[in-house]
Amino acid sequence: MKKDIHPTYYEEAKVYVGGEFVGTTGSTRPELHLDVWSGTHPFYTGQQRILDTEGQVDRFQKRLGRKSSELTDKVEKERRRRSKRAVAEIVDDTPAAEAAEETAE
């Protein structure tokens, strides 16, 4: 391993957020000056709000509902089509069976 290629590691690096001391951590810098950290970030503090720009959330919810209803409509349509096909096969088989009996007599 080459010597003198790694930076100095500070185990007790001081962390400052907005000019206030927050705590210590390990870093390659002796002091860290941050704008945001988990204690002030809106996502972690529960203050973040979803901005509904131009109704994007509503459009997504409507599209999601439409897709699920389309899927159930397709399943129902396929079920009806198969039942009609089964009925048609029964109806088609009946005259063929009667015609076969008439020719046999």
PDB file of N, CA and C in Angstrom:
ATOM      1  N   MET A   1       0.828  -1.170   0.000  1.00  0.00           N
ATOM      2  CA  MET A   1       0.000   0.000   0.000  1.00  0.00           C
ATOM      3  C   MET A   1       0.879   1.242   0.000  1.00  0.00           C
ATOM      4  N   LYS A   2       0.483   2.211  -0.844  1.00  0.00           N
ATOM      5  CA  LYS A   2       1.292   3.423  -0.941  1.00  0.00           C
ATOM      6  C   LYS A   2       1.114   4.285   0.305  1.00  0.00           C
ATOM      7  N   LYS A   3       2.176   4.948   0.683  1.00  0.00           N
ATOM      8  CA  LYS A   3       2.145   5.833   1.839  1.00  0.00           C
ATOM      9  C   LYS A   3       1.736   7.238   1.412  1.00  0.00           C
ATOM     10  N   ASP A   4       1.125   7.932   2.355  1.00  0.00           N
ATOM     11  CA  ASP A   4       0.773   9.344   2.192  1.00  0.00           C
ATOM     12  C   ASP A   4      -0.187   9.623   1.029  1.00  0.00           C
ATOM     13  N   ILE A   5      -1.074   8.674   0.678  1.00  0.00           N
ATOM     14  CA  ILE A   5      -2.075   8.960  -0.355  1.00  0.00           C
ATOM     15  C   ILE A   5      -3.461   9.157   0.248  1.00  0.00           C
ATOM     16  N   HIS A   6      -3.645   8.760   1.487  1.00  0.00           N
ATOM     17  CA  HIS A   6      -4.940   8.889   2.134  1.00  0.00           C
ATOM     18  C   HIS A   6      -5.022  10.190   2.923  1.00  0.00           C
ATOM     19  N   PRO A   7      -6.190  10.839   2.926  1.00  0.00           N
ATOM     20  CA  PRO A   7      -6.327  12.068   3.715  1.00  0.00           C
ATOM     21  C   PRO A   7      -6.371  11.743   5.207  1.00  0.00           C
ATOM     22  N   THR A   8      -6.143  12.745   6.016  1.00  0.00           N
ATOM     23  CA  THR A   8      -6.187  12.586   7.467  1.00  0.00           C
ATOM     24  C   THR A   8      -7.631  12.391   7.894  1.00  0.00           C
ATOM     25  N   TYR A   9      -7.873  11.410   8.750  1.00  0.00           N
ATOM     26  CA  TYR A   9      -9.221  11.114   9.215  1.00  0.00           C
ATOM     27  C   TYR A   9      -9.385  11.666  10.622  1.00  0.00           C
ATOM     28  N   TYR A  10     -10.413  12.497  10.806  1.00  0.00           N
ATOM     29  CA  TYR A  10     -10.704  13.090  12.108  1.00  0.00           C
ATOM     30  C   TYR A  10     -11.898  12.349  12.710  1.00  0.00           C
ATOM     31  N   GLU A  11     -11.672  11.649  13.804  1.00  0.00           N
ATOM     32  CA  GLU A  11     -12.741  10.876  14.438  1.00  0.00           C
ATOM     33  C   GLU A  11     -13.741  11.766  15.169  1.00  0.00           C
ATOM     34  N   GLU A  12     -13.340  12.927  15.595  1.00  0.00           N
ATOM     35  CA  GLU A  12     -14.205  13.842  16.323  1.00  0.00           C
ATOM     36  C   GLU A  12     -14.392  15.139  15.525  1.00  0.00           C
ATOM     37  N   ALA A  13     -14.829  15.030  14.286  1.00  0.00           N
ATOM     38  CA  ALA A  13     -15.084  16.217  13.466  1.00  0.00           C
ATOM     39  C   ALA A  13     -16.366  16.884  13.961  1.00  0.00           C
ATOM     40  N   LYS A  14     -16.328  18.209  14.119  1.00  0.00           N
ATOM     41  CA  LYS A  14     -17.468  18.951  14.642  1.00  0.00           C
ATOM     42  C   LYS A  14     -18.421  19.281  13.492  1.00  0.00           C
ATOM     43  N   VAL A  15     -19.725  19.125  13.757  1.00  0.00           N
ATOM     44  CA  VAL A  15     -20.745  19.391  12.755  1.00  0.00           C
ATOM     45  C   VAL A  15     -21.543  20.615  13.191  1.00  0.00           C
ATOM     46  N   TYR A  16     -21.631  21.605  12.283  1.00  0.00           N
ATOM     47  CA  TYR A  16     -22.377  22.827  12.522  1.00  0.00           C
ATOM     48  C   TYR A  16     -23.478  22.949  11.476  1.00  0.00           C
ATOM     49  N   VAL A  17     -24.704  23.256  11.932  1.00  0.00           N
ATOM     50  CA  VAL A  17     -25.830  23.487  11.035  1.00  0.00           C
ATOM     51  C   VAL A  17     -26.374  24.869  11.331  1.00  0.00           C
ATOM     52  N   GLY A  18     -26.318  25.723  10.310  1.00  0.00           N
ATOM     53  CA  GLY A  18     -26.795  27.094  10.504  1.00  0.00           C
ATOM     54  C   GLY A  18     -26.003  27.844  11.552  1.00  0.00           C
ATOM     55  N   GLY A  19     -24.734  27.557  11.715  1.00  0.00           N
ATOM     56  CA  GLY A  19     -23.882  28.233  12.686  1.00  0.00           C
ATOM     57  C   GLY A  19     -23.958  27.657  14.086  1.00  0.00           C
ATOM     58  N   GLU A  20     -24.832  26.688  14.325  1.00  0.00           N
ATOM     59  CA  GLU A  20     -24.967  26.095  15.652  1.00  0.00           C
ATOM     60  C   GLU A  20     -24.299  24.723  15.680  1.00  0.00           C
ATOM     61  N   PHE A  21     -23.627  24.424  16.774  1.00  0.00           N
ATOM     62  CA  PHE A  21     -22.983  23.121  16.943  1.00  0.00           C
ATOM     63  C   PHE A  21     -24.048  22.045  17.154  1.00  0.00           C
ATOM     64  N   VAL A  22     -23.964  20.968  16.369  1.00  0.00           N
ATOM     65  CA  VAL A  22     -24.952  19.898  16.451  1.00  0.00           C
ATOM     66  C   VAL A  22     -24.368  18.646  17.089  1.00  0.00           C
ATOM     67  N   GLY A  23     -23.153  18.276  16.701  1.00  0.00           N
ATOM     68  CA  GLY A  23     -22.553  17.067  17.249  1.00  0.00           C
ATOM     69  C   GLY A  23     -21.229  16.779  16.583  1.00  0.00           C
ATOM     70  N   THR A  24     -20.752  15.561  16.785  1.00  0.00           N
ATOM     71  CA  THR A  24     -19.491  15.155  16.184  1.00  0.00           C
ATOM     72  C   THR A  24     -19.689  13.883  15.381  1.00  0.00           C
ATOM     73  N   THR A  25     -18.798  13.695  14.422  1.00  0.00           N
ATOM     74  CA  THR A  25     -18.817  12.503  13.580  1.00  0.00           C
ATOM     75  C   THR A  25     -17.426  12.299  13.016  1.00  0.00           C
ATOM     76  N   GLY A  26     -17.213  11.208  12.347  1.00  0.00           N
ATOM     77  CA  GLY A  26     -15.937  10.963  11.710  1.00  0.00           C
ATOM     78  C   GLY A  26     -15.932  11.545  10.307  1.00  0.00           C
ATOM     79  N   SER A  27     -14.829  12.219   9.936  1.00  0.00           N
ATOM     80  CA  SER A  27     -14.744  12.834   8.619  1.00  0.00           C
ATOM     81  C   SER A  27     -13.295  13.087   8.251  1.00  0.00           C
ATOM     82  N   THR A  28     -13.087  13.432   6.999  1.00  0.00           N
ATOM     83  CA  THR A  28     -11.740  13.795   6.549  1.00  0.00           C
ATOM     84  C   THR A  28     -11.519  15.293   6.702  1.00  0.00           C
ATOM     85  N   ARG A  29     -12.500  16.002   7.242  1.00  0.00           N
ATOM     86  CA  ARG A  29     -12.375  17.432   7.530  1.00  0.00           C
ATOM     87  C   ARG A  29     -12.588  17.637   9.024  1.00  0.00           C
ATOM     88  N   PRO A  30     -11.891  18.588   9.612  1.00  0.00           N
ATOM     89  CA  PRO A  30     -12.044  18.780  11.054  1.00  0.00           C
ATOM     90  C   PRO A  30     -13.395  19.403  11.441  1.00  0.00           C
ATOM     91  N   GLU A  31     -13.994  20.206  10.543  1.00  0.00           N
ATOM     92  CA  GLU A  31     -15.285  20.824  10.818  1.00  0.00           C
ATOM     93  C   GLU A  31     -16.170  20.710   9.574  1.00  0.00           C
ATOM     94  N   LEU A  32     -17.470  20.425   9.801  1.00  0.00           N
ATOM     95  CA  LEU A  32     -18.441  20.362   8.714  1.00  0.00           C
ATOM     96  C   LEU A  32     -19.501  21.419   8.951  1.00  0.00           C
ATOM     97  N   HIS A  33     -19.739  22.271   7.948  1.00  0.00           N
ATOM     98  CA  HIS A  33     -20.766  23.304   8.014  1.00  0.00           C
ATOM     99  C   HIS A  33     -21.857  22.922   7.017  1.00  0.00           C
ATOM    100  N   LEU A  34     -23.048  22.597   7.560  1.00  0.00           N
ATOM    101  CA  LEU A  34     -24.141  22.098   6.741  1.00  0.00           C
ATOM    102  C   LEU A  34     -25.337  23.045   6.765  1.00  0.00           C
ATOM    103  N   ASP A  35     -26.167  22.942   5.715  1.00  0.00           N
ATOM    104  CA  ASP A  35     -27.405  23.706   5.666  1.00  0.00           C
ATOM    105  C   ASP A  35     -28.569  22.886   6.235  1.00  0.00           C
ATOM    106  N   VAL A  36     -28.583  21.599   5.923  1.00  0.00           N
ATOM    107  CA  VAL A  36     -29.692  20.740   6.320  1.00  0.00           C
ATOM    108  C   VAL A  36     -29.133  19.429   6.856  1.00  0.00           C
ATOM    109  N   TRP A  37     -29.762  18.894   7.857  1.00  0.00           N
ATOM    110  CA  TRP A  37     -29.437  17.558   8.355  1.00  0.00           C
ATOM    111  C   TRP A  37     -30.735  16.897   8.780  1.00  0.00           C
ATOM    112  N   SER A  38     -30.709  15.663   9.252  1.00  0.00           N
ATOM    113  CA  SER A  38     -31.932  14.923   9.553  1.00  0.00           C
ATOM    114  C   SER A  38     -32.770  15.586  10.642  1.00  0.00           C
ATOM    115  N   GLY A  39     -32.155  16.364  11.507  1.00  0.00           N
ATOM    116  CA  GLY A  39     -32.911  17.034  12.563  1.00  0.00           C
ATOM    117  C   GLY A  39     -33.700  18.233  12.077  1.00  0.00           C
ATOM    118  N   THR A  40     -33.340  18.797  10.926  1.00  0.00           N
ATOM    119  CA  THR A  40     -34.060  19.961  10.406  1.00  0.00           C
ATOM    120  C   THR A  40     -34.709  19.694   9.059  1.00  0.00           C
ATOM    121  N   HIS A  41     -34.464  18.563   8.461  1.00  0.00           N
ATOM    122  CA  HIS A  41     -35.031  18.270   7.137  1.00  0.00           C
ATOM    123  C   HIS A  41     -36.540  18.023   7.261  1.00  0.00           C
ATOM    124  N   PRO A  42     -37.344  18.638   6.400  1.00  0.00           N
ATOM    125  CA  PRO A  42     -38.805  18.494   6.496  1.00  0.00           C
ATOM    126  C   PRO A  42     -39.292  17.052   6.390  1.00  0.00           C
ATOM    127  N   PHE A  43     -38.613  16.226   5.619  1.00  0.00           N
ATOM    128  CA  PHE A  43     -39.040  14.832   5.488  1.00  0.00           C
ATOM    129  C   PHE A  43     -38.918  14.095   6.811  1.00  0.00           C
ATOM    130  N   TYR A  44     -37.828  14.299   7.523  1.00  0.00           N
ATOM    131  CA  TYR A  44     -37.586  13.588   8.779  1.00  0.00           C
ATOM    132  C   TYR A  44     -38.338  14.199   9.955  1.00  0.00           C
ATOM    133  N   THR A  45     -38.673  15.471   9.884  1.00  0.00           N
ATOM    134  CA  THR A  45     -39.396  16.105  10.981  1.00  0.00           C
ATOM    135  C   THR A  45     -40.905  15.996  10.814  1.00  0.00           C
ATOM    136  N   GLY A  46     -41.371  15.479   9.662  1.00  0.00           N
ATOM    137  CA  GLY A  46     -42.797  15.302   9.422  1.00  0.00           C
ATOM    138  C   GLY A  46     -43.500  16.560   8.973  1.00  0.00           C
ATOM    139  N   GLN A  47     -42.767  17.560   8.554  1.00  0.00           N
ATOM    140  CA  GLN A  47     -43.363  18.813   8.121  1.00  0.00           C
ATOM    141  C   GLN A  47     -43.479  18.913   6.609  1.00  0.00           C
ATOM    142  N   GLN A  48     -43.001  17.905   5.883  1.00  0.00           N
ATOM    143  CA  GLN A  48     -43.041  17.963   4.422  1.00  0.00           C
ATOM    144  C   GLN A  48     -44.469  17.765   3.927  1.00  0.00           C
ATOM    145  N   ARG A  49     -44.857  18.578   2.975  1.00  0.00           N
ATOM    146  CA  ARG A  49     -46.189  18.487   2.387  1.00  0.00           C
ATOM    147  C   ARG A  49     -46.051  18.149   0.907  1.00  0.00           C
ATOM    148  N   ILE A  50     -46.991  17.365   0.409  1.00  0.00           N
ATOM    149  CA  ILE A  50     -46.986  17.047  -1.020  1.00  0.00           C
ATOM    150  C   ILE A  50     -47.620  18.218  -1.755  1.00  0.00           C
ATOM    151  N   LEU A  51     -46.884  18.785  -2.682  1.00  0.00           N
ATOM    152  CA  LEU A  51     -47.415  19.884  -3.473  1.00  0.00           C
ATOM    153  C   LEU A  51     -48.108  19.292  -4.691  1.00  0.00           C
ATOM    154  N   ASP A  52     -49.395  19.560  -4.806  1.00  0.00           N
ATOM    155  CA  ASP A  52     -50.178  19.024  -5.914  1.00  0.00           C
ATOM    156  C   ASP A  52     -50.131  20.021  -7.060  1.00  0.00           C
ATOM    157  N   THR A  53     -49.057  19.942  -7.846  1.00  0.00           N
ATOM    158  CA  THR A  53     -48.913  20.864  -8.955  1.00  0.00           C
ATOM    159  C   THR A  53     -49.801  20.438 -10.109  1.00  0.00           C
ATOM    160  N   GLU A  54     -50.696  21.305 -10.457  1.00  0.00           N
ATOM    161  CA  GLU A  54     -51.600  21.113 -11.585  1.00  0.00           C
ATOM    162  C   GLU A  54     -52.408  19.826 -11.472  1.00  0.00           C
ATOM    163  N   GLY A  55     -52.730  19.407 -10.252  1.00  0.00           N
ATOM    164  CA  GLY A  55     -53.591  18.247 -10.061  1.00  0.00           C
ATOM    165  C   GLY A  55     -52.951  16.923 -10.437  1.00  0.00           C
ATOM    166  N   GLN A  56     -51.644  16.818 -10.336  1.00  0.00           N
ATOM    167  CA  GLN A  56     -50.963  15.583 -10.727  1.00  0.00           C
ATOM    168  C   GLN A  56     -51.390  14.405  -9.873  1.00  0.00           C
ATOM    169  N   VAL A  57     -51.571  14.623  -8.586  1.00  0.00           N
ATOM    170  CA  VAL A  57     -51.978  13.533  -7.698  1.00  0.00           C
ATOM    171  C   VAL A  57     -53.384  13.072  -8.070  1.00  0.00           C
ATOM    172  N   ASP A  58     -54.288  14.029  -8.321  1.00  0.00           N
ATOM    173  CA  ASP A  58     -55.658  13.677  -8.700  1.00  0.00           C
ATOM    174  C   ASP A  58     -55.684  12.922 -10.028  1.00  0.00           C
ATOM    175  N   ARG A  59     -54.885  13.396 -10.990  1.00  0.00           N
ATOM    176  CA  ARG A  59     -54.838  12.713 -12.289  1.00  0.00           C
ATOM    177  C   ARG A  59     -54.315  11.290 -12.134  1.00  0.00           C
ATOM    178  N   PHE A  60     -53.313  11.105 -11.275  1.00  0.00           N
ATOM    179  CA  PHE A  60     -52.774   9.771 -11.057  1.00  0.00           C
ATOM    180  C   PHE A  60     -53.824   8.871 -10.413  1.00  0.00           C
ATOM    181  N   GLN A  61     -54.516   9.376  -9.391  1.00  0.00           N
ATOM    182  CA  GLN A  61     -55.541   8.580  -8.716  1.00  0.00           C
ATOM    183  C   GLN A  61     -56.646   8.191  -9.696  1.00  0.00           C
ATOM    184  N   LYS A  62     -57.066   9.126 -10.555  1.00  0.00           N
ATOM    185  CA  LYS A  62     -58.114   8.845 -11.524  1.00  0.00           C
ATOM    186  C   LYS A  62     -57.640   7.796 -12.536  1.00  0.00           C
ATOM    187  N   ARG A  63     -56.402   7.941 -13.006  1.00  0.00           N
ATOM    188  CA  ARG A  63     -55.854   6.993 -13.968  1.00  0.00           C
ATOM    189  C   ARG A  63     -55.711   5.612 -13.335  1.00  0.00           C
ATOM    190  N   LEU A  64     -55.299   5.544 -12.087  1.00  0.00           N
ATOM    191  CA  LEU A  64     -55.166   4.273 -11.381  1.00  0.00           C
ATOM    192  C   LEU A  64     -56.521   3.600 -11.245  1.00  0.00           C
ATOM    193  N   GLY A  65     -57.547   4.358 -10.893  1.00  0.00           N
ATOM    194  CA  GLY A  65     -58.892   3.810 -10.776  1.00  0.00           C
ATOM    195  C   GLY A  65     -59.420   3.334 -12.111  1.00  0.00           C
ATOM    196  N   ARG A  66     -59.139   4.078 -13.167  1.00  0.00           N
ATOM    197  CA  ARG A  66     -59.608   3.706 -14.497  1.00  0.00           C
ATOM    198  C   ARG A  66     -58.941   2.405 -14.949  1.00  0.00           C
ATOM    199  N   LYS A  67     -57.659   2.261 -14.689  1.00  0.00           N
ATOM    200  CA  LYS A  67     -56.956   1.049 -15.111  1.00  0.00           C
ATOM    201  C   LYS A  67     -57.489  -0.174 -14.375  1.00  0.00           C
ATOM    202  N   SER A  68     -57.766  -0.033 -13.089  1.00  0.00           N
ATOM    203  CA  SER A  68     -58.273  -1.188 -12.351  1.00  0.00           C
ATOM    204  C   SER A  68     -59.675  -1.538 -12.810  1.00  0.00           C
ATOM    205  N   SER A  69     -60.513  -0.526 -13.132  1.00  0.00           N
ATOM    206  CA  SER A  69     -61.864  -0.820 -13.618  1.00  0.00           C
ATOM    207  C   SER A  69     -61.805  -1.419 -15.017  1.00  0.00           C
ATOM    208  N   GLU A  70     -60.840  -0.967 -15.842  1.00  0.00           N
ATOM    209  CA  GLU A  70     -60.684  -1.548 -17.174  1.00  0.00           C
ATOM    210  C   GLU A  70     -60.295  -3.018 -17.073  1.00  0.00           C
ATOM    211  N   LEU A  71     -59.458  -3.342 -16.105  1.00  0.00           N
ATOM    212  CA  LEU A  71     -59.030  -4.729 -15.923  1.00  0.00           C
ATOM    213  C   LEU A  71     -60.212  -5.600 -15.522  1.00  0.00           C
ATOM    214  N   THR A  72     -61.039  -5.126 -14.605  1.00  0.00           N
ATOM    215  CA  THR A  72     -62.199  -5.922 -14.211  1.00  0.00           C
ATOM    216  C   THR A  72     -63.193  -6.026 -15.356  1.00  0.00           C
ATOM    217  N   ASP A  73     -63.331  -4.960 -16.167  1.00  0.00           N
ATOM    218  CA  ASP A  73     -64.208  -5.014 -17.331  1.00  0.00           C
ATOM    219  C   ASP A  73     -63.722  -6.061 -18.331  1.00  0.00           C
ATOM    220  N   LYS A  74     -62.413  -6.131 -18.548  1.00  0.00           N
ATOM    221  CA  LYS A  74     -61.858  -7.108 -19.486  1.00  0.00           C
ATOM    222  C   LYS A  74     -62.098  -8.531 -18.990  1.00  0.00           C
ATOM    223  N   VAL A  75     -61.916  -8.751 -17.693  1.00  0.00           N
ATOM    224  CA  VAL A  75     -62.124 -10.081 -17.124  1.00  0.00           C
ATOM    225  C   VAL A  75     -63.590 -10.489 -17.261  1.00  0.00           C
ATOM    226  N   GLU A  76     -64.492  -9.557 -16.963  1.00  0.00           N
ATOM    227  CA  GLU A  76     -65.926  -9.837 -17.073  1.00  0.00           C
ATOM    228  C   GLU A  76     -66.316 -10.093 -18.526  1.00  0.00           C
ATOM    229  N   LYS A  77     -65.782  -9.309 -19.438  1.00  0.00           N
ATOM    230  CA  LYS A  77     -66.077  -9.483 -20.862  1.00  0.00           C
ATOM    231  C   LYS A  77     -65.583 -10.850 -21.345  1.00  0.00           C
ATOM    232  N   GLU A  78     -64.409 -11.251 -20.931  1.00  0.00           N
ATOM    233  CA  GLU A  78     -63.862 -12.561 -21.318  1.00  0.00           C
ATOM    234  C   GLU A  78     -64.722 -13.690 -20.749  1.00  0.00           C
ATOM    235  N   ARG A  79     -65.181 -13.543 -19.508  1.00  0.00           N
ATOM    236  CA  ARG A  79     -66.028 -14.562 -18.898  1.00  0.00           C
ATOM    237  C   ARG A  79     -67.337 -14.700 -19.670  1.00  0.00           C
ATOM    238  N   ARG A  80     -67.963 -13.568 -20.033  1.00  0.00           N
ATOM    239  CA  ARG A  80     -69.207 -13.622 -20.807  1.00  0.00           C
ATOM    240  C   ARG A  80     -68.984 -14.243 -22.189  1.00  0.00           C
ATOM    241  N   ARG A  81     -67.871 -13.897 -22.823  1.00  0.00           N
ATOM    242  CA  ARG A  81     -67.563 -14.440 -24.149  1.00  0.00           C
ATOM    243  C   ARG A  81     -67.396 -15.953 -24.082  1.00  0.00           C
ATOM    244  N   ARG A  82     -66.712 -16.423 -23.054  1.00  0.00           N
ATOM    245  CA  ARG A  82     -66.525 -17.881 -22.915  1.00  0.00           C
ATOM    246  C   ARG A  82     -67.832 -18.596 -22.633  1.00  0.00           C
ATOM    247  N   SER A  83     -68.699 -17.988 -21.823  1.00  0.00           N
ATOM    248  CA  SER A  83     -69.987 -18.635 -21.539  1.00  0.00           C
ATOM    249  C   SER A  83     -70.850 -18.669 -22.799  1.00  0.00           C
ATOM    250  N   LYS A  84     -70.834 -17.612 -23.620  1.00  0.00           N
ATOM    251  CA  LYS A  84     -71.580 -17.616 -24.881  1.00  0.00           C
ATOM    252  C   LYS A  84     -71.033 -18.678 -25.822  1.00  0.00           C
ATOM    253  N   ARG A  85     -69.716 -18.814 -25.850  1.00  0.00           N
ATOM    254  CA  ARG A  85     -69.097 -19.822 -26.711  1.00  0.00           C
ATOM    255  C   ARG A  85     -69.514 -21.221 -26.265  1.00  0.00           C
ATOM    256  N   ALA A  86     -69.559 -21.449 -24.958  1.00  0.00           N
ATOM    257  CA  ALA A  86     -69.962 -22.757 -24.439  1.00  0.00           C
ATOM    258  C   ALA A  86     -71.413 -23.048 -24.796  1.00  0.00           C
ATOM    259  N   VAL A  87     -72.292 -22.047 -24.701  1.00  0.00           N
ATOM    260  CA  VAL A  87     -73.697 -22.215 -25.063  1.00  0.00           C
ATOM    261  C   VAL A  87     -73.805 -22.496 -26.563  1.00  0.00           C
ATOM    262  N   ALA A  88     -73.046 -21.781 -27.364  1.00  0.00           N
ATOM    263  CA  ALA A  88     -73.084 -21.974 -28.813  1.00  0.00           C
ATOM    264  C   ALA A  88     -72.629 -23.386 -29.185  1.00  0.00           C
ATOM    265  N   GLU A  89     -71.643 -23.898 -28.490  1.00  0.00           N
ATOM    266  CA  GLU A  89     -71.173 -25.264 -28.769  1.00  0.00           C
ATOM    267  C   GLU A  89     -72.247 -26.279 -28.416  1.00  0.00           C
ATOM    268  N   ILE A  90     -72.973 -26.068 -27.340  1.00  0.00           N
ATOM    269  CA  ILE A  90     -74.054 -26.983 -26.952  1.00  0.00           C
ATOM    270  C   ILE A  90     -75.158 -26.938 -28.004  1.00  0.00           C
ATOM    271  N   VAL A  91     -75.519 -25.733 -28.451  1.00  0.00           N
ATOM    272  CA  VAL A  91     -76.569 -25.575 -29.462  1.00  0.00           C
ATOM    273  C   VAL A  91     -76.129 -26.196 -30.783  1.00  0.00           C
ATOM    274  N   ASP A  92     -74.877 -26.000 -31.156  1.00  0.00           N
ATOM    275  CA  ASP A  92     -74.369 -26.556 -32.410  1.00  0.00           C
ATOM    276  C   ASP A  92     -74.318 -28.075 -32.364  1.00  0.00           C
ATOM    277  N   ASP A  93     -74.026 -28.658 -31.227  1.00  0.00           N
ATOM    278  CA  ASP A  93     -73.925 -30.105 -31.109  1.00  0.00           C
ATOM    279  C   ASP A  93     -75.293 -30.786 -31.199  1.00  0.00           C
ATOM    280  N   THR A  94     -76.341 -30.141 -30.763  1.00  0.00           N
ATOM    281  CA  THR A  94     -77.674 -30.742 -30.749  1.00  0.00           C
ATOM    282  C   THR A  94     -78.172 -31.058 -32.163  1.00  0.00           C
ATOM    283  N   PRO A  95     -78.171 -30.169 -33.143  1.00  0.00           N
ATOM    284  CA  PRO A  95     -78.643 -30.504 -34.481  1.00  0.00           C
ATOM    285  C   PRO A  95     -77.743 -31.543 -35.152  1.00  0.00           C
ATOM    286  N   ALA A  96     -76.475 -31.522 -34.884  1.00  0.00           N
ATOM    287  CA  ALA A  96     -75.568 -32.488 -35.486  1.00  0.00           C
ATOM    288  C   ALA A  96     -75.880 -33.891 -34.974  1.00  0.00           C
ATOM    289  N   ALA A  97     -76.221 -33.992 -33.700  1.00  0.00           N
ATOM    290  CA  ALA A  97     -76.552 -35.292 -33.121  1.00  0.00           C
ATOM    291  C   ALA A  97     -77.879 -35.786 -33.675  1.00  0.00           C
ATOM    292  N   GLU A  98     -78.859 -34.885 -33.843  1.00  0.00           N
ATOM    293  CA  GLU A  98     -80.171 -35.272 -34.397  1.00  0.00           C
ATOM    294  C   GLU A  98     -80.041 -35.680 -35.853  1.00  0.00           C
ATOM    295  N   ALA A  99     -79.210 -34.970 -36.616  1.00  0.00           N
ATOM    296  CA  ALA A  99     -79.018 -35.303 -38.029  1.00  0.00           C
ATOM    297  C   ALA A  99     -78.338 -36.645 -38.157  1.00  0.00           C
ATOM    298  N   ALA A 100     -77.439 -36.950 -37.257  1.00  0.00           N
ATOM    299  CA  ALA A 100     -76.757 -38.241 -37.303  1.00  0.00           C
ATOM    300  C   ALA A 100     -77.735 -39.361 -36.999  1.00  0.00           C
ATOM    301  N   GLU A 101     -78.678 -39.133 -36.084  1.00  0.00           N
ATOM    302  CA  GLU A 101     -79.673 -40.149 -35.752  1.00  0.00           C
ATOM    303  C   GLU A 101     -80.620 -40.382 -36.928  1.00  0.00           C
ATOM    304  N   GLU A 102     -81.011 -39.299 -37.651  1.00  0.00           N
ATOM    305  CA  GLU A 102     -81.927 -39.425 -38.778  1.00  0.00           C
ATOM    306  C   GLU A 102     -81.294 -40.211 -39.921  1.00  0.00           C
ATOM    307  N   THR A 103     -80.020 -40.003 -40.172  1.00  0.00           N
ATOM    308  CA  THR A 103     -79.344 -40.731 -41.243  1.00  0.00           C
ATOM    309  C   THR A 103     -79.117 -42.180 -40.870  1.00  0.00           C
ATOM    310  N   ALA A 104     -79.030 -42.452 -39.595  1.00  0.00           N
ATOM    311  CA  ALA A 104     -78.825 -43.833 -39.138  1.00  0.00           C
ATOM    312  C   ALA A 104     -80.101 -44.640 -39.290  1.00  0.00           C
ATOM    313  N   GLU A 105     -81.273 -44.010 -39.273  1.00  0.00           N
ATOM    314  CA  GLU A 105     -82.546 -44.736 -39.370  1.00  0.00           C
ATOM    315  C   GLU A 105     -82.812 -45.073 -40.757  1.00  0.00           C
TER     316      GLU A 105
END
